[in-house]
Amino acid sequence: MVENRIRKRHALQMSGKKHIQDKLLMLVSVTFMLLAVTVWSYWPTIVTLFKDWQGSDDYSAGQLVPLIALFFVWRERKNLRECLLKPCWSGGIALLVLAQAGRTYGLLFMYESAERYSLVLTIAGLVLMVAGWQVFRRVIWILLILLLMVPLPGRIHNMISGPLQNMATTGSVFLMEAFGISVSQQGNVMMLNQDTALAVAEACSGLRMLTAFVIVAAFIAYMIKRSRLQKAILLVSSIPVAVICNIVRIFVTAVLMLQVSAEVAEKFFHDFAGLVMMPAAVLLMFGELWLMNKLTLPESNPEQEEVIAKIKKCPGKN
């Protein structure tokens, strides 16, 4: 009888394992099928998005975002294994319906950005529908980072590019005047020593630097072990860091134009400065983290405070 019970228990265990394996295999198969359908459905959107990455200097950094997201998923693999896989069909389908409504709006009104943002929302819906709430909550920040791969809509691009261009020009003029360089500003054109013109074109507004720095800041904020407040401050501070770095780049370009030649200045602006500004921005961000660490008081430990209080009450005891 004991042997029969052991055999039955073993058979039940094997049956349970096989049931779990079959369920997992079915889940993986459904996931790949849904991914294939999504890629097929959004293929024209993906192709135009890739062309924009390749053709636009302002948003070329966006092509790194999917790779960064995959790296984050790989980094969270241990935590994801501990999550319970429980598909949430209602929530997932609701997100998919919302995504397709946005996509339909984009198709009907020729609003390309709506189609691209609906792709990100579709991916979020698939994660929720297939994996469930636990996995979705674990990867929600990774899904939000995917929004950085989409170029800004044209109207928002124009709203940001113009003020950035003006700030870059005004900041460069202020910096040159502080160093005793004779300069006058006429719109977005600077007259150096009354005879040398330096124009801050729209391509020099720093939008490319801004998008790249925001992506880098998001990467650093996700990797470091800090409070959410400090991570948010770091992410927001990437905007003034980008503006400052662009002003310094224009200032150095103007100095080279005056002291060396226009050819050397142009080569610096387009080649060398682009390589230098990113490490400089990363150093500024880590300096900011160091400063926040110095300004933040260490968290109090109740147990340690209790021990210290007892020692103070009984100083004669060891």
C-alpha atoms as a PDB file:
ATOM      1  CA  MET A   1       0.000   0.000   0.000  1.00  0.00           C
ATOM      2  CA  VAL A   2       2.855   2.369   0.812  1.00  0.00           C
ATOM      3  CA  GLU A   3       4.391   1.748  -2.594  1.00  0.00           C
ATOM      4  CA  ASN A   4       1.075   2.404  -4.309  1.00  0.00           C
ATOM      5  CA  ARG A   5       0.672   5.694  -2.465  1.00  0.00           C
ATOM      6  CA  ILE A   6       4.204   6.746  -3.408  1.00  0.00           C
ATOM      7  CA  ARG A   7       3.519   5.863  -7.032  1.00  0.00           C
ATOM      8  CA  LYS A   8       0.252   7.812  -7.031  1.00  0.00           C
ATOM      9  CA  ARG A   9       1.914  10.834  -5.424  1.00  0.00           C
ATOM     10  CA  HIS A  10       4.765  10.667  -7.929  1.00  0.00           C
ATOM     11  CA  ALA A  11       2.265  10.359 -10.772  1.00  0.00           C
ATOM     12  CA  LEU A  12       0.339  13.390  -9.483  1.00  0.00           C
ATOM     13  CA  GLN A  13       3.568  15.414  -9.213  1.00  0.00           C
ATOM     14  CA  MET A  14       4.595  14.468 -12.741  1.00  0.00           C
ATOM     15  CA  SER A  15       1.114  15.295 -13.997  1.00  0.00           C
ATOM     16  CA  GLY A  16       1.219  18.677 -12.250  1.00  0.00           C
ATOM     17  CA  LYS A  17       4.656  19.478 -13.698  1.00  0.00           C
ATOM     18  CA  LYS A  18       3.500  18.469 -17.164  1.00  0.00           C
ATOM     19  CA  HIS A  19       0.401  20.645 -16.796  1.00  0.00           C
ATOM     20  CA  ILE A  20       2.561  23.644 -15.807  1.00  0.00           C
ATOM     21  CA  GLN A  21       4.964  23.002 -18.693  1.00  0.00           C
ATOM     22  CA  ASP A  22       2.080  22.712 -21.164  1.00  0.00           C
ATOM     23  CA  LYS A  23       0.558  25.927 -19.825  1.00  0.00           C
ATOM     24  CA  LEU A  24       3.901  27.744 -20.062  1.00  0.00           C
ATOM     25  CA  LEU A  25       4.466  26.437 -23.589  1.00  0.00           C
ATOM     26  CA  MET A  26       1.022  27.622 -24.636  1.00  0.00           C
ATOM     27  CA  LEU A  27       1.693  31.040 -23.069  1.00  0.00           C
ATOM     28  CA  VAL A  28       5.011  31.364 -24.917  1.00  0.00           C
ATOM     29  CA  SER A  29       3.377  30.309 -28.183  1.00  0.00           C
ATOM     30  CA  VAL A  30       0.570  32.844 -27.766  1.00  0.00           C
ATOM     31  CA  THR A  31       3.122  35.547 -26.910  1.00  0.00           C
ATOM     32  CA  PHE A  32       5.179  34.934 -30.044  1.00  0.00           C
ATOM     33  CA  MET A  33       2.042  34.794 -32.167  1.00  0.00           C
ATOM     34  CA  LEU A  34       0.821  38.131 -30.773  1.00  0.00           C
ATOM     35  CA  LEU A  35       4.268  39.702 -31.282  1.00  0.00           C
ATOM     36  CA  ALA A  36       4.338  38.482 -34.881  1.00  0.00           C
ATOM     37  CA  VAL A  37       0.871  39.920 -35.530  1.00  0.00           C
ATOM     38  CA  THR A  38       1.868  43.237 -33.900  1.00  0.00           C
ATOM     39  CA  VAL A  39       5.055  43.545 -35.956  1.00  0.00           C
ATOM     40  CA  TRP A  40       3.166  42.683 -39.153  1.00  0.00           C
ATOM     41  CA  SER A  41       0.408  45.184 -38.355  1.00  0.00           C
ATOM     42  CA  TYR A  42       2.776  48.024 -37.384  1.00  0.00           C
ATOM     43  CA  TRP A  43       5.451  47.298 -39.974  1.00  0.00           C
ATOM     44  CA  PRO A  44       4.858  50.515 -42.003  1.00  0.00           C
ATOM     45  CA  THR A  45       5.012  52.549 -38.776  1.00  0.00           C
ATOM     46  CA  ILE A  46       8.232  50.792 -37.707  1.00  0.00           C
ATOM     47  CA  VAL A  47       9.825  51.423 -41.114  1.00  0.00           C
ATOM     48  CA  THR A  48       9.016  55.162 -41.092  1.00  0.00           C
ATOM     49  CA  LEU A  49      10.203  55.405 -37.490  1.00  0.00           C
ATOM     50  CA  PHE A  50      13.532  53.825 -38.443  1.00  0.00           C
ATOM     51  CA  LYS A  51      13.867  56.213 -41.387  1.00  0.00           C
ATOM     52  CA  ASP A  52      13.323  59.171 -39.055  1.00  0.00           C
ATOM     53  CA  TRP A  53      16.029  57.871 -36.737  1.00  0.00           C
ATOM     54  CA  GLN A  54      18.441  57.612 -39.638  1.00  0.00           C
ATOM     55  CA  GLY A  55      17.479  60.875 -41.334  1.00  0.00           C
ATOM     56  CA  SER A  56      17.014  63.234 -38.393  1.00  0.00           C
ATOM     57  CA  ASP A  57      19.976  64.265 -36.255  1.00  0.00           C
ATOM     58  CA  ASP A  58      17.607  65.519 -33.548  1.00  0.00           C
ATOM     59  CA  TYR A  59      16.123  62.070 -32.910  1.00  0.00           C
ATOM     60  CA  SER A  60      18.889  59.680 -33.972  1.00  0.00           C
ATOM     61  CA  ALA A  61      19.402  58.657 -30.323  1.00  0.00           C
ATOM     62  CA  GLY A  62      15.901  57.171 -30.319  1.00  0.00           C
ATOM     63  CA  GLN A  63      17.147  54.000 -32.004  1.00  0.00           C
ATOM     64  CA  LEU A  64      19.054  53.147 -28.814  1.00  0.00           C
ATOM     65  CA  VAL A  65      15.895  53.134 -26.686  1.00  0.00           C
ATOM     66  CA  PRO A  66      14.596  49.642 -27.722  1.00  0.00           C
ATOM     67  CA  LEU A  67      18.041  48.182 -26.996  1.00  0.00           C
ATOM     68  CA  ILE A  68      18.125  49.908 -23.595  1.00  0.00           C
ATOM     69  CA  ALA A  69      14.632  48.569 -22.828  1.00  0.00           C
ATOM     70  CA  LEU A  70      15.718  45.017 -23.690  1.00  0.00           C
ATOM     71  CA  PHE A  71      18.763  45.427 -21.446  1.00  0.00           C
ATOM     72  CA  PHE A  72      16.526  46.553 -18.577  1.00  0.00           C
ATOM     73  CA  VAL A  73      14.255  43.531 -19.070  1.00  0.00           C
ATOM     74  CA  TRP A  74      17.317  41.261 -18.990  1.00  0.00           C
ATOM     75  CA  ARG A  75      18.510  43.034 -15.821  1.00  0.00           C
ATOM     76  CA  GLU A  76      15.128  42.418 -14.171  1.00  0.00           C
ATOM     77  CA  ARG A  77      15.043  38.745 -15.183  1.00  0.00           C
ATOM     78  CA  LYS A  78      15.442  37.417 -11.620  1.00  0.00           C
ATOM     79  CA  ASN A  79      12.628  39.592 -10.284  1.00  0.00           C
ATOM     80  CA  LEU A  80      10.418  38.681 -13.238  1.00  0.00           C
ATOM     81  CA  ARG A  81      10.870  34.975 -12.531  1.00  0.00           C
ATOM     82  CA  GLU A  82       9.386  35.509  -9.082  1.00  0.00           C
ATOM     83  CA  CYS A  83       6.267  37.178 -10.518  1.00  0.00           C
ATOM     84  CA  LEU A  84       3.090  35.177 -10.891  1.00  0.00           C
ATOM     85  CA  LEU A  85       2.106  34.749 -14.535  1.00  0.00           C
ATOM     86  CA  LYS A  86      -1.621  35.399 -14.474  1.00  0.00           C
ATOM     87  CA  PRO A  87      -2.966  36.848 -17.745  1.00  0.00           C
ATOM     88  CA  CYS A  88      -5.225  39.854 -17.327  1.00  0.00           C
ATOM     89  CA  TRP A  89      -7.434  39.744 -20.402  1.00  0.00           C
ATOM     90  CA  SER A  90      -9.776  42.562 -19.417  1.00  0.00           C
ATOM     91  CA  GLY A  91      -7.048  45.134 -18.680  1.00  0.00           C
ATOM     92  CA  GLY A  92      -4.915  44.072 -21.640  1.00  0.00           C
ATOM     93  CA  ILE A  93      -7.778  44.220 -24.105  1.00  0.00           C
ATOM     94  CA  ALA A  94      -8.793  47.637 -22.736  1.00  0.00           C
ATOM     95  CA  LEU A  95      -5.287  48.995 -23.415  1.00  0.00           C
ATOM     96  CA  LEU A  96      -5.276  47.402 -26.873  1.00  0.00           C
ATOM     97  CA  VAL A  97      -8.627  48.983 -27.720  1.00  0.00           C
ATOM     98  CA  LEU A  98      -7.332  52.364 -26.537  1.00  0.00           C
ATOM     99  CA  ALA A  99      -4.157  51.898 -28.606  1.00  0.00           C
ATOM    100  CA  GLN A 100      -6.094  51.030 -31.742  1.00  0.00           C
ATOM    101  CA  ALA A 101      -8.417  54.001 -31.211  1.00  0.00           C
ATOM    102  CA  GLY A 102      -5.364  56.271 -31.127  1.00  0.00           C
ATOM    103  CA  ARG A 103      -3.970  54.562 -34.187  1.00  0.00           C
ATOM    104  CA  THR A 104      -7.241  55.001 -36.058  1.00  0.00           C
ATOM    105  CA  TYR A 105      -7.228  58.689 -35.157  1.00  0.00           C
ATOM    106  CA  GLY A 106      -3.705  58.977 -36.534  1.00  0.00           C
ATOM    107  CA  LEU A 107      -4.620  57.219 -39.766  1.00  0.00           C
ATOM    108  CA  LEU A 108      -7.760  59.272 -40.348  1.00  0.00           C
ATOM    109  CA  PHE A 109      -6.241  62.665 -39.572  1.00  0.00           C
ATOM    110  CA  MET A 110      -2.710  61.984 -40.906  1.00  0.00           C
ATOM    111  CA  TYR A 111      -1.240  62.300 -37.413  1.00  0.00           C
ATOM    112  CA  GLU A 112       1.801  60.052 -37.560  1.00  0.00           C
ATOM    113  CA  SER A 113       2.801  60.497 -33.925  1.00  0.00           C
ATOM    114  CA  ALA A 114      -0.488  58.968 -32.756  1.00  0.00           C
ATOM    115  CA  GLU A 115       0.320  55.790 -34.673  1.00  0.00           C
ATOM    116  CA  ARG A 116       3.771  55.620 -33.106  1.00  0.00           C
ATOM    117  CA  TYR A 117       2.580  56.189 -29.567  1.00  0.00           C
ATOM    118  CA  SER A 118      -0.122  53.579 -30.124  1.00  0.00           C
ATOM    119  CA  LEU A 119       2.667  51.069 -30.844  1.00  0.00           C
ATOM    120  CA  VAL A 120       4.071  51.622 -27.338  1.00  0.00           C
ATOM    121  CA  LEU A 121       0.582  51.363 -25.832  1.00  0.00           C
ATOM    122  CA  THR A 122      -0.001  48.137 -27.782  1.00  0.00           C
ATOM    123  CA  ILE A 123       3.174  46.617 -26.331  1.00  0.00           C
ATOM    124  CA  ALA A 124       1.978  47.590 -22.835  1.00  0.00           C
ATOM    125  CA  GLY A 125      -1.411  46.013 -23.520  1.00  0.00           C
ATOM    126  CA  LEU A 126       0.187  42.773 -24.686  1.00  0.00           C
ATOM    127  CA  VAL A 127       2.354  42.586 -21.558  1.00  0.00           C
ATOM    128  CA  LEU A 128      -0.671  43.062 -19.311  1.00  0.00           C
ATOM    129  CA  MET A 129      -2.859  40.663 -21.273  1.00  0.00           C
ATOM    130  CA  VAL A 130      -0.302  37.847 -21.454  1.00  0.00           C
ATOM    131  CA  ALA A 131       1.742  38.198 -18.238  1.00  0.00           C
ATOM    132  CA  GLY A 132      -0.623  39.903 -15.797  1.00  0.00           C
ATOM    133  CA  TRP A 133      -0.465  42.715 -13.256  1.00  0.00           C
ATOM    134  CA  GLN A 134       2.620  41.607 -11.326  1.00  0.00           C
ATOM    135  CA  VAL A 135       4.838  41.584 -14.399  1.00  0.00           C
ATOM    136  CA  PHE A 136       3.198  44.754 -15.712  1.00  0.00           C
ATOM    137  CA  ARG A 137       3.936  46.671 -12.496  1.00  0.00           C
ATOM    138  CA  ARG A 138       7.518  45.427 -12.579  1.00  0.00           C
ATOM    139  CA  VAL A 139       8.177  46.616 -16.150  1.00  0.00           C
ATOM    140  CA  ILE A 140       5.955  49.716 -16.296  1.00  0.00           C
ATOM    141  CA  TRP A 141       8.964  52.068 -16.090  1.00  0.00           C
ATOM    142  CA  ILE A 142      10.621  50.207 -18.942  1.00  0.00           C
ATOM    143  CA  LEU A 143       7.460  50.648 -21.001  1.00  0.00           C
ATOM    144  CA  LEU A 144       7.461  54.379 -20.229  1.00  0.00           C
ATOM    145  CA  ILE A 145      11.085  54.629 -21.380  1.00  0.00           C
ATOM    146  CA  LEU A 146       9.944  53.294 -24.775  1.00  0.00           C
ATOM    147  CA  LEU A 147       8.118  56.610 -25.282  1.00  0.00           C
ATOM    148  CA  LEU A 148      11.544  58.266 -25.677  1.00  0.00           C
ATOM    149  CA  MET A 149      12.106  56.417 -28.961  1.00  0.00           C
ATOM    150  CA  VAL A 150       9.242  58.318 -30.631  1.00  0.00           C
ATOM    151  CA  PRO A 151      10.190  61.698 -32.174  1.00  0.00           C
ATOM    152  CA  LEU A 152       8.232  64.625 -30.827  1.00  0.00           C
ATOM    153  CA  PRO A 153       5.156  65.681 -32.805  1.00  0.00           C
ATOM    154  CA  GLY A 154       5.845  68.508 -35.263  1.00  0.00           C
ATOM    155  CA  ARG A 155       3.914  71.120 -33.283  1.00  0.00           C
ATOM    156  CA  ILE A 156       5.737  70.315 -30.036  1.00  0.00           C
ATOM    157  CA  HIS A 157       9.052  70.152 -31.913  1.00  0.00           C
ATOM    158  CA  ASN A 158       8.530  73.701 -33.199  1.00  0.00           C
ATOM    159  CA  MET A 159       7.430  74.929 -29.771  1.00  0.00           C
ATOM    160  CA  ILE A 160      10.650  73.606 -28.205  1.00  0.00           C
ATOM    161  CA  SER A 161      13.167  74.240 -30.977  1.00  0.00           C
ATOM    162  CA  GLY A 162      12.579  78.007 -31.197  1.00  0.00           C
ATOM    163  CA  PRO A 163      13.038  78.790 -27.481  1.00  0.00           C
ATOM    164  CA  LEU A 164      16.066  76.474 -27.335  1.00  0.00           C
ATOM    165  CA  GLN A 165      17.593  78.373 -30.248  1.00  0.00           C
ATOM    166  CA  ASN A 166      17.003  81.720 -28.536  1.00  0.00           C
ATOM    167  CA  MET A 167      18.393  80.457 -25.209  1.00  0.00           C
ATOM    168  CA  ALA A 168      21.496  79.113 -26.933  1.00  0.00           C
ATOM    169  CA  THR A 169      22.129  82.457 -28.649  1.00  0.00           C
ATOM    170  CA  THR A 170      21.449  84.627 -25.576  1.00  0.00           C
ATOM    171  CA  GLY A 171      23.455  82.358 -23.277  1.00  0.00           C
ATOM    172  CA  SER A 172      26.414  82.343 -25.643  1.00  0.00           C
ATOM    173  CA  VAL A 173      26.345  86.137 -25.902  1.00  0.00           C
ATOM    174  CA  PHE A 174      26.266  86.450 -22.114  1.00  0.00           C
ATOM    175  CA  LEU A 175      29.206  84.058 -21.754  1.00  0.00           C
ATOM    176  CA  MET A 176      31.258  85.887 -24.377  1.00  0.00           C
ATOM    177  CA  GLU A 177      30.575  89.257 -22.775  1.00  0.00           C
ATOM    178  CA  ALA A 178      31.631  87.801 -19.413  1.00  0.00           C
ATOM    179  CA  PHE A 179      34.985  86.856 -20.958  1.00  0.00           C
ATOM    180  CA  GLY A 180      35.448  90.278 -22.540  1.00  0.00           C
ATOM    181  CA  ILE A 181      34.644  89.386 -26.147  1.00  0.00           C
ATOM    182  CA  SER A 182      32.996  92.142 -28.152  1.00  0.00           C
ATOM    183  CA  VAL A 183      29.698  90.746 -29.409  1.00  0.00           C
ATOM    184  CA  SER A 184      26.280  91.982 -30.454  1.00  0.00           C
ATOM    185  CA  GLN A 185      23.119  89.953 -30.967  1.00  0.00           C
ATOM    186  CA  GLN A 186      20.735  90.383 -33.878  1.00  0.00           C
ATOM    187  CA  GLY A 187      18.056  87.739 -33.512  1.00  0.00           C
ATOM    188  CA  ASN A 188      19.872  84.404 -33.649  1.00  0.00           C
ATOM    189  CA  VAL A 189      22.952  85.917 -35.317  1.00  0.00           C
ATOM    190  CA  MET A 190      25.972  87.065 -33.278  1.00  0.00           C
ATOM    191  CA  MET A 191      28.417  89.667 -34.577  1.00  0.00           C
ATOM    192  CA  LEU A 192      31.856  88.992 -33.153  1.00  0.00           C
ATOM    193  CA  ASN A 193      34.166  92.021 -32.996  1.00  0.00           C
ATOM    194  CA  GLN A 194      31.683  93.839 -35.257  1.00  0.00           C
ATOM    195  CA  ASP A 195      32.926  92.038 -38.369  1.00  0.00           C
ATOM    196  CA  THR A 196      32.496  88.274 -37.918  1.00  0.00           C
ATOM    197  CA  ALA A 197      29.001  86.793 -38.075  1.00  0.00           C
ATOM    198  CA  LEU A 198      28.106  83.571 -36.291  1.00  0.00           C
ATOM    199  CA  ALA A 199      24.564  82.292 -36.846  1.00  0.00           C
ATOM    200  CA  VAL A 200      22.889  79.883 -34.441  1.00  0.00           C
ATOM    201  CA  ALA A 201      20.750  77.916 -36.869  1.00  0.00           C
ATOM    202  CA  GLU A 202      17.806  75.722 -35.922  1.00  0.00           C
ATOM    203  CA  ALA A 203      20.077  72.673 -36.187  1.00  0.00           C
ATOM    204  CA  CYS A 204      22.273  74.286 -33.513  1.00  0.00           C
ATOM    205  CA  SER A 205      19.384  74.758 -31.077  1.00  0.00           C
ATOM    206  CA  GLY A 206      20.535  71.794 -29.012  1.00  0.00           C
ATOM    207  CA  LEU A 207      17.429  69.646 -29.501  1.00  0.00           C
ATOM    208  CA  ARG A 208      19.577  66.715 -30.582  1.00  0.00           C
ATOM    209  CA  MET A 209      21.659  67.113 -27.450  1.00  0.00           C
ATOM    210  CA  LEU A 210      18.502  67.416 -25.359  1.00  0.00           C
ATOM    211  CA  THR A 211      16.950  64.167 -26.620  1.00  0.00           C
ATOM    212  CA  ALA A 212      20.229  62.291 -26.182  1.00  0.00           C
ATOM    213  CA  PHE A 213      20.786  63.632 -22.666  1.00  0.00           C
ATOM    214  CA  VAL A 214      17.239  62.754 -21.567  1.00  0.00           C
ATOM    215  CA  ILE A 215      17.781  59.165 -22.747  1.00  0.00           C
ATOM    216  CA  VAL A 216      21.132  58.973 -20.939  1.00  0.00           C
ATOM    217  CA  ALA A 217      19.603  60.479 -17.788  1.00  0.00           C
ATOM    218  CA  ALA A 218      16.750  57.939 -17.907  1.00  0.00           C
ATOM    219  CA  PHE A 219      19.324  55.134 -18.209  1.00  0.00           C
ATOM    220  CA  ILE A 220      21.358  56.419 -15.249  1.00  0.00           C
ATOM    221  CA  ALA A 221      18.235  57.026 -13.141  1.00  0.00           C
ATOM    222  CA  TYR A 222      17.055  53.470 -13.716  1.00  0.00           C
ATOM    223  CA  MET A 223      20.443  51.931 -12.893  1.00  0.00           C
ATOM    224  CA  ILE A 224      21.317  53.816  -9.701  1.00  0.00           C
ATOM    225  CA  LYS A 225      19.962  52.933  -6.271  1.00  0.00           C
ATOM    226  CA  ARG A 226      18.481  56.229  -5.138  1.00  0.00           C
ATOM    227  CA  SER A 227      15.111  57.502  -4.008  1.00  0.00           C
ATOM    228  CA  ARG A 228      12.437  58.207  -6.600  1.00  0.00           C
ATOM    229  CA  LEU A 229      12.726  61.918  -5.834  1.00  0.00           C
ATOM    230  CA  GLN A 230      16.443  61.975  -6.656  1.00  0.00           C
ATOM    231  CA  LYS A 231      15.849  59.953  -9.823  1.00  0.00           C
ATOM    232  CA  ALA A 232      13.138  62.399 -10.897  1.00  0.00           C
ATOM    233  CA  ILE A 233      15.419  65.374 -10.181  1.00  0.00           C
ATOM    234  CA  LEU A 234      18.196  63.772 -12.222  1.00  0.00           C
ATOM    235  CA  LEU A 235      15.854  63.155 -15.155  1.00  0.00           C
ATOM    236  CA  VAL A 236      14.447  66.699 -15.119  1.00  0.00           C
ATOM    237  CA  SER A 237      17.908  68.236 -14.702  1.00  0.00           C
ATOM    238  CA  SER A 238      19.022  66.688 -18.014  1.00  0.00           C
ATOM    239  CA  ILE A 239      17.173  69.565 -19.738  1.00  0.00           C
ATOM    240  CA  PRO A 240      19.244  72.442 -18.237  1.00  0.00           C
ATOM    241  CA  VAL A 241      22.380  70.292 -18.556  1.00  0.00           C
ATOM    242  CA  ALA A 242      21.735  69.985 -22.303  1.00  0.00           C
ATOM    243  CA  VAL A 243      21.153  73.738 -22.619  1.00  0.00           C
ATOM    244  CA  ILE A 244      24.352  74.556 -20.705  1.00  0.00           C
ATOM    245  CA  CYS A 245      26.450  72.129 -22.757  1.00  0.00           C
ATOM    246  CA  ASN A 246      25.097  73.582 -26.008  1.00  0.00           C
ATOM    247  CA  ILE A 247      25.911  77.141 -24.858  1.00  0.00           C
ATOM    248  CA  VAL A 248      29.466  76.095 -23.987  1.00  0.00           C
ATOM    249  CA  ARG A 249      29.820  74.431 -27.396  1.00  0.00           C
ATOM    250  CA  ILE A 250      28.731  77.603 -29.213  1.00  0.00           C
ATOM    251  CA  PHE A 251      31.029  79.731 -27.011  1.00  0.00           C
ATOM    252  CA  VAL A 252      34.085  77.573 -27.773  1.00  0.00           C
ATOM    253  CA  THR A 253      33.171  77.643 -31.460  1.00  0.00           C
ATOM    254  CA  ALA A 254      33.071  81.463 -31.406  1.00  0.00           C
ATOM    255  CA  VAL A 255      36.461  81.637 -29.664  1.00  0.00           C
ATOM    256  CA  LEU A 256      38.011  79.294 -32.230  1.00  0.00           C
ATOM    257  CA  MET A 257      36.488  81.347 -35.044  1.00  0.00           C
ATOM    258  CA  LEU A 258      38.124  84.486 -33.678  1.00  0.00           C
ATOM    259  CA  GLN A 259      41.447  83.023 -32.652  1.00  0.00           C
ATOM    260  CA  VAL A 260      42.057  80.352 -35.300  1.00  0.00           C
ATOM    261  CA  SER A 261      39.772  80.115 -38.347  1.00  0.00           C
ATOM    262  CA  ALA A 262      36.203  79.505 -39.398  1.00  0.00           C
ATOM    263  CA  GLU A 263      37.119  76.086 -40.815  1.00  0.00           C
ATOM    264  CA  VAL A 264      38.582  74.870 -37.519  1.00  0.00           C
ATOM    265  CA  ALA A 265      35.586  76.259 -35.615  1.00  0.00           C
ATOM    266  CA  GLU A 266      33.123  74.494 -37.897  1.00  0.00           C
ATOM    267  CA  LYS A 267      35.026  71.216 -37.628  1.00  0.00           C
ATOM    268  CA  PHE A 268      35.035  71.512 -33.838  1.00  0.00           C
ATOM    269  CA  PHE A 269      31.316  72.277 -33.708  1.00  0.00           C
ATOM    270  CA  HIS A 270      30.231  69.341 -35.848  1.00  0.00           C
ATOM    271  CA  ASP A 271      32.829  66.709 -34.942  1.00  0.00           C
ATOM    272  CA  PHE A 272      34.842  67.092 -31.769  1.00  0.00           C
ATOM    273  CA  ALA A 273      32.251  68.929 -29.665  1.00  0.00           C
ATOM    274  CA  GLY A 274      29.651  66.244 -30.243  1.00  0.00           C
ATOM    275  CA  LEU A 275      32.004  63.655 -28.752  1.00  0.00           C
ATOM    276  CA  VAL A 276      33.040  65.802 -25.803  1.00  0.00           C
ATOM    277  CA  MET A 277      29.647  67.086 -24.685  1.00  0.00           C
ATOM    278  CA  MET A 278      28.198  63.672 -23.805  1.00  0.00           C
ATOM    279  CA  PRO A 279      30.971  62.708 -21.337  1.00  0.00           C
ATOM    280  CA  ALA A 280      30.797  66.248 -19.928  1.00  0.00           C
ATOM    281  CA  ALA A 281      27.048  65.888 -19.388  1.00  0.00           C
ATOM    282  CA  VAL A 282      27.486  62.496 -17.712  1.00  0.00           C
ATOM    283  CA  LEU A 283      30.095  63.999 -15.359  1.00  0.00           C
ATOM    284  CA  LEU A 284      27.686  66.819 -14.510  1.00  0.00           C
ATOM    285  CA  MET A 285      24.941  64.297 -13.723  1.00  0.00           C
ATOM    286  CA  PHE A 286      27.198  62.248 -11.459  1.00  0.00           C
ATOM    287  CA  GLY A 287      28.343  65.467  -9.805  1.00  0.00           C
ATOM    288  CA  GLU A 288      24.700  66.268  -9.210  1.00  0.00           C
ATOM    289  CA  LEU A 289      24.161  62.838  -7.642  1.00  0.00           C
ATOM    290  CA  TRP A 290      27.186  63.384  -5.393  1.00  0.00           C
ATOM    291  CA  LEU A 291      25.823  66.760  -4.316  1.00  0.00           C
ATOM    292  CA  MET A 292      22.357  65.334  -3.588  1.00  0.00           C
ATOM    293  CA  ASN A 293      23.997  62.580  -1.562  1.00  0.00           C
ATOM    294  CA  LYS A 294      25.830  65.180   0.534  1.00  0.00           C
ATOM    295  CA  LEU A 295      22.702  67.255   1.055  1.00  0.00           C
ATOM    296  CA  THR A 296      20.513  64.302   2.024  1.00  0.00           C
ATOM    297  CA  LEU A 297      20.460  63.324   5.693  1.00  0.00           C
ATOM    298  CA  PRO A 298      20.925  59.612   6.417  1.00  0.00           C
ATOM    299  CA  GLU A 299      17.787  57.752   7.400  1.00  0.00           C
ATOM    300  CA  SER A 300      17.397  57.179  11.130  1.00  0.00           C
ATOM    301  CA  ASN A 301      17.560  53.631  12.487  1.00  0.00           C
ATOM    302  CA  PRO A 302      15.097  53.158  15.400  1.00  0.00           C
ATOM    303  CA  GLU A 303      16.945  50.123  16.817  1.00  0.00           C
ATOM    304  CA  GLN A 304      20.289  51.945  16.757  1.00  0.00           C
ATOM    305  CA  GLU A 305      18.755  54.998  18.458  1.00  0.00           C
ATOM    306  CA  GLU A 306      17.277  52.775  21.171  1.00  0.00           C
ATOM    307  CA  VAL A 307      20.669  51.194  21.879  1.00  0.00           C
ATOM    308  CA  ILE A 308      22.330  54.617  22.059  1.00  0.00           C
ATOM    309  CA  ALA A 309      19.636  55.837  24.464  1.00  0.00           C
ATOM    310  CA  LYS A 310      20.239  52.845  26.785  1.00  0.00           C
ATOM    311  CA  ILE A 311      23.988  53.466  26.756  1.00  0.00           C
ATOM    312  CA  LYS A 312      23.441  57.107  27.714  1.00  0.00           C
ATOM    313  CA  LYS A 313      21.191  56.092  30.594  1.00  0.00           C
ATOM    314  CA  CYS A 314      23.715  53.573  31.912  1.00  0.00           C
ATOM    315  CA  PRO A 315      27.171  55.066  31.192  1.00  0.00           C
ATOM    316  CA  GLY A 316      28.891  52.981  33.841  1.00  0.00           C
ATOM    317  CA  LYS A 317      27.933  49.645  32.297  1.00  0.00           C
ATOM    318  CA  ASN A 318      29.858  48.130  29.414  1.00  0.00           C
END
